[in-house]
Protein backbone atom coordinates (compact mmCIF):
# COMPACT_ATOMS: atom_id res chain seq x y z
CA MET A 1 115.35 91.46 108.78
CA ASN A 2 115.23 90.74 112.48
CA LYS A 3 112.04 91.43 114.40
CA PRO A 4 113.19 94.32 116.64
CA VAL A 5 114.28 96.24 113.53
CA LEU A 6 110.91 95.66 111.87
CA PHE A 7 108.94 96.62 115.00
CA LEU A 8 111.00 99.79 115.50
CA ARG A 9 110.45 100.78 111.86
CA ILE A 10 106.70 100.24 112.21
CA ALA A 11 106.65 102.30 115.44
CA SER A 12 108.64 105.00 113.65
CA GLY A 13 106.20 105.10 110.73
CA LEU A 14 103.20 105.26 113.04
CA THR A 15 104.84 108.06 115.00
CA PHE A 16 105.50 110.05 111.84
CA ILE A 17 101.89 109.57 110.70
CA HIS A 18 100.77 110.71 114.15
CA ALA A 19 102.91 113.86 113.77
CA VAL A 20 101.46 114.67 110.35
CA LEU A 21 97.85 114.09 111.38
CA HIS A 22 98.37 116.04 114.61
CA THR A 23 99.66 118.99 112.61
CA ILE A 24 96.94 118.91 109.95
CA GLY A 25 94.02 118.02 112.20
CA GLY A 26 95.02 119.80 115.37
CA VAL A 27 97.45 122.64 114.94
CA PHE A 28 96.31 124.03 111.59
CA SER A 29 92.66 122.98 111.50
CA ASN A 30 89.87 125.52 111.59
CA PRO A 31 86.85 125.08 113.84
CA GLY A 32 83.46 124.69 112.32
CA PRO A 33 80.79 127.30 112.93
CA GLY A 34 79.19 127.49 116.33
CA SER A 35 80.56 127.26 119.83
CA ALA A 36 84.00 126.00 118.73
CA ALA A 37 84.50 129.07 116.53
CA VAL A 38 83.39 131.34 119.38
CA ALA A 39 85.89 129.68 121.74
CA VAL A 40 88.75 130.03 119.24
CA GLN A 41 87.85 133.68 118.64
CA ALA A 42 87.95 134.33 122.38
CA MET A 43 91.33 132.56 122.63
CA GLN A 44 92.73 134.76 119.83
CA THR A 45 91.22 138.06 120.91
CA ASN A 46 92.06 138.16 124.60
CA GLN A 47 95.75 138.90 125.09
CA PHE A 48 97.66 139.31 128.32
CA LEU A 49 101.18 140.11 129.47
CA VAL A 50 103.38 137.06 130.09
CA MET A 51 107.01 137.59 131.02
CA GLY A 52 107.17 140.86 129.12
CA ASN A 53 105.32 139.63 126.01
CA MET A 54 101.71 140.02 124.95
CA ARG A 55 100.28 136.56 124.33
CA SER A 56 96.90 134.88 124.00
CA TYR A 57 95.73 131.38 124.79
CA SER A 58 95.68 130.84 121.03
CA ASP A 59 99.43 131.58 120.93
CA PHE A 60 100.05 128.99 123.63
CA TYR A 61 97.75 126.47 121.95
CA ARG A 62 99.49 126.87 118.57
CA GLY A 63 103.00 126.90 120.07
CA LEU A 64 102.46 123.82 122.21
CA GLY A 65 100.75 122.03 119.34
CA LEU A 66 103.74 122.69 117.09
CA GLY A 67 106.01 121.60 119.93
CA ILE A 68 104.24 118.22 120.02
CA THR A 69 104.67 117.95 116.24
CA ILE A 70 108.40 118.65 116.57
CA PHE A 71 108.86 116.03 119.28
CA LEU A 72 106.77 113.39 117.49
CA THR A 73 108.88 113.91 114.37
CA ALA A 74 112.12 113.73 116.37
CA GLU A 75 110.95 110.53 118.09
CA SER A 76 110.12 109.02 114.71
CA ILE A 77 113.66 109.75 113.51
CA LEU A 78 115.15 108.38 116.74
CA MET A 79 113.20 105.16 116.31
CA LEU A 80 114.60 104.80 112.79
CA GLN A 81 118.11 105.36 114.14
CA MET A 82 117.46 102.78 116.85
CA ALA A 83 116.30 100.34 114.18
CA VAL A 84 119.67 100.72 112.43
CA LEU A 85 121.49 100.09 115.73
CA ALA A 86 119.21 97.13 116.48
CA LYS A 87 120.61 95.29 113.48
CA THR A 88 123.82 94.58 115.39
CA GLY A 89 122.45 94.21 118.90
CA ALA A 90 118.95 95.22 119.87
CA ARG A 91 119.26 94.03 123.44
CA ARG A 92 121.30 97.05 124.51
CA LEU A 93 118.54 99.35 123.23
CA ARG A 94 115.91 97.87 125.54
CA PRO A 95 116.15 100.65 128.18
CA MET A 96 115.61 103.35 125.53
CA MET A 97 112.74 101.43 123.96
CA GLY A 98 111.26 100.98 127.45
CA THR A 99 111.42 104.70 128.09
CA LEU A 100 109.59 105.41 124.84
CA LEU A 101 107.05 102.67 125.56
CA ALA A 102 106.27 104.19 128.98
CA ALA A 103 106.03 107.67 127.45
CA TYR A 104 103.54 106.49 124.81
CA ALA A 105 101.50 104.60 127.40
CA PHE A 106 101.20 107.77 129.51
CA PHE A 107 100.63 109.84 126.36
CA SER A 108 97.66 107.59 125.51
CA ILE A 109 96.20 108.10 128.99
CA ASN A 110 96.58 111.87 128.58
CA SER A 111 94.93 111.72 125.14
CA TYR A 112 92.07 109.60 126.51
CA ARG A 113 91.47 112.13 129.27
CA TYR A 114 91.74 115.32 127.24
CA PHE A 115 91.24 114.47 123.55
CA PHE A 116 89.57 111.63 121.62
CA ALA A 117 90.01 108.11 120.27
CA GLY A 118 92.25 108.82 117.25
CA PRO A 119 95.39 109.79 119.15
CA VAL A 120 94.73 107.16 121.82
CA ILE A 121 94.69 104.40 119.21
CA ALA A 122 97.83 105.72 117.50
CA GLU A 123 99.73 105.97 120.79
CA LEU A 124 98.66 102.51 121.94
CA LEU A 125 99.77 101.02 118.60
CA ILE A 126 103.14 102.77 118.89
CA ALA A 127 103.50 101.44 122.45
CA LEU A 128 102.54 97.95 121.24
CA PHE A 129 105.25 97.88 118.57
CA LEU A 130 107.82 99.26 120.99
CA GLY A 131 106.83 96.48 123.40
CA LEU A 132 107.20 93.89 120.65
CA ALA A 133 110.63 95.30 119.79
CA ILE A 134 111.64 94.98 123.45
CA ALA A 135 110.29 91.45 123.73
CA THR A 136 112.05 90.25 120.60
CA ALA A 137 115.29 92.12 121.43
CA GLY A 138 115.64 90.05 124.59
CA LYS A 139 115.94 86.88 122.53
CA GLU A 140 119.06 88.10 120.72
CA LEU A 141 122.59 87.67 121.87
CA ALA A 142 124.18 90.85 123.23
């Protein structure tokens, strides 16, 4: 197996794990007692009209969280598909891998600013393996 294929598969696996843990630990987790529970209750209770629909901040939180899960899962599948294509010529995939690398680098900055270490580490590892795939893809013939 050539290295770009391996690195893309690893990045794909890490992305899928990130999606699963994000869903379990973020979207469908319940807050413990105390101030977190009070905040969630306030997010669920207070509804307001948005573009003709009654919504709460909890609705937005859940919907955007599931949206992240959907995109993480789709990216994982795309990375697997790229790994298949990389078998016959990884060099041409470098721009796509670069786009994903940049996205995960910025994603890690966002997670550092607004969340905690777990997602930051996952996103940096994904970016690392995408970078390794790019670096090793450049050594292949087109």
